[in-house]
Amino acid sequence: MATNLLIREGKIMYVKDVLVENKAGLHARPATFFIQKANEYKSTVWVEKEERRVNAKSLLGVLSLGIIGGTEIKIIADGVDEQEAVDGLVALVESGFADQ
């Protein structure tokens, strides 16, 4: 898992790569948990798969990525709690949504 800062359009954003390990990926139920978690943060949060980026707080956006088990995604945030947002979402994905 890589952690780094991303600079885009003059903004520094926090980003981490994470492997979606649960077999089902981010289908409806896990995606709902992911969106709920993303909405706990004030920062703008995105999820990216293969250079396609969507709002991590949008169920339709996340579902449109078609994230299946074994897929590596990037979680990117920009805002006052960006590191907390990315770390919290990475932990949720790494847990395989086991606590949900």
Protein backbone atom coordinates (compact mmCIF):
# COMPACT_ATOMS: atom_id res chain seq x y z
CA MET A 1 0.00 0.00 0.00
CA ALA A 2 1.44 3.33 -1.04
CA THR A 3 0.91 6.55 0.87
CA ASN A 4 1.73 9.88 -0.63
CA LEU A 5 0.65 13.38 -1.28
CA LEU A 6 -0.88 14.28 -4.62
CA ILE A 7 -0.53 17.77 -6.03
CA ARG A 8 -3.22 18.70 -8.52
CA GLU A 9 -4.25 22.17 -9.63
CA GLY A 10 -2.06 23.70 -6.93
CA LYS A 11 -3.69 21.69 -4.13
CA ILE A 12 -1.96 19.11 -1.98
CA MET A 13 -4.19 16.10 -1.33
CA TYR A 14 -3.70 12.99 0.77
CA VAL A 15 -3.89 9.67 -1.11
CA LYS A 16 -3.46 5.96 -0.41
CA ASP A 17 -3.69 2.89 -2.60
CA VAL A 18 -5.60 -0.05 -1.18
CA LEU A 19 -6.45 -3.53 -2.46
CA VAL A 20 -10.14 -4.49 -2.24
CA GLU A 21 -9.80 -7.99 -0.84
CA ASN A 22 -13.39 -9.05 -0.15
CA LYS A 23 -14.65 -11.33 -2.93
CA ALA A 24 -17.74 -9.27 -3.73
CA GLY A 25 -15.83 -6.00 -4.08
CA LEU A 26 -17.76 -2.77 -3.62
CA HIS A 27 -21.21 -3.94 -4.66
CA ALA A 28 -24.36 -2.36 -3.19
CA ARG A 29 -24.05 -3.26 0.50
CA PRO A 30 -20.30 -2.62 1.01
CA ALA A 31 -20.55 0.46 -1.20
CA THR A 32 -23.29 1.79 1.08
CA PHE A 33 -21.04 1.32 4.12
CA PHE A 34 -18.19 3.01 2.23
CA ILE A 35 -20.36 6.03 1.33
CA GLN A 36 -21.67 6.32 4.89
CA LYS A 37 -18.10 6.33 6.21
CA ALA A 38 -16.99 8.88 3.59
CA ASN A 39 -19.84 11.18 4.62
CA GLU A 40 -18.53 11.27 8.21
CA TYR A 41 -15.72 13.55 7.01
CA LYS A 42 -15.74 17.21 6.05
CA SER A 43 -13.11 16.75 3.34
CA THR A 44 -13.90 16.16 -0.29
CA VAL A 45 -13.17 12.47 -0.90
CA TRP A 46 -12.71 10.59 -4.17
CA VAL A 47 -12.16 6.98 -5.08
CA GLU A 48 -10.20 6.19 -8.22
CA LYS A 49 -9.91 3.02 -10.27
CA GLU A 50 -7.72 2.90 -13.37
CA GLU A 51 -7.55 6.70 -13.75
CA ARG A 52 -11.35 7.10 -13.39
CA ARG A 53 -12.21 9.19 -10.34
CA VAL A 54 -15.61 9.58 -8.67
CA ASN A 55 -17.00 11.27 -5.58
CA ALA A 56 -16.62 8.78 -2.71
CA LYS A 57 -19.79 10.19 -1.15
CA SER A 58 -21.91 9.19 -4.17
CA LEU A 59 -23.38 5.69 -4.24
CA LEU A 60 -23.97 5.80 -7.99
CA GLY A 61 -20.47 7.09 -8.56
CA VAL A 62 -18.82 4.34 -6.52
CA LEU A 63 -21.01 1.62 -8.04
CA SER A 64 -20.22 2.92 -11.55
CA LEU A 65 -16.55 1.99 -11.05
CA GLY A 66 -17.45 -1.72 -10.95
CA ILE A 67 -14.93 -2.46 -8.21
CA ILE A 68 -14.56 -6.21 -7.76
CA GLY A 69 -12.44 -8.22 -5.32
CA GLY A 70 -8.75 -8.06 -6.14
CA THR A 71 -8.97 -4.53 -7.55
CA GLU A 72 -6.55 -1.84 -6.39
CA ILE A 73 -8.12 1.57 -5.85
CA LYS A 74 -6.90 4.97 -4.72
CA ILE A 75 -8.66 6.91 -1.99
CA ILE A 76 -7.97 10.63 -2.23
CA ALA A 77 -9.08 13.44 0.07
CA ASP A 78 -8.71 17.18 0.23
CA GLY A 79 -9.75 19.19 3.29
CA VAL A 80 -9.37 19.73 6.99
CA ASP A 81 -9.61 16.03 7.91
CA GLU A 82 -8.15 14.54 4.73
CA GLN A 83 -5.67 12.18 6.39
CA GLU A 84 -8.29 10.92 8.84
CA ALA A 85 -10.76 10.40 5.96
CA VAL A 86 -8.34 8.42 3.82
CA ASP A 87 -7.04 6.35 6.73
CA GLY A 88 -10.59 5.59 7.93
CA LEU A 89 -11.76 4.48 4.50
CA VAL A 90 -8.62 2.42 3.88
CA ALA A 91 -9.18 0.66 7.23
CA LEU A 92 -12.79 -0.08 6.24
CA VAL A 93 -11.73 -1.55 2.89
CA GLU A 94 -8.90 -3.56 4.47
CA SER A 95 -11.31 -5.02 7.02
CA GLY A 96 -13.31 -6.51 4.15
CA PHE A 97 -16.29 -4.71 5.71
CA ALA A 98 -16.20 -7.40 8.42
CA ASP A 99 -17.45 -5.06 11.14
CA GLN A 100 -20.50 -4.05 9.14
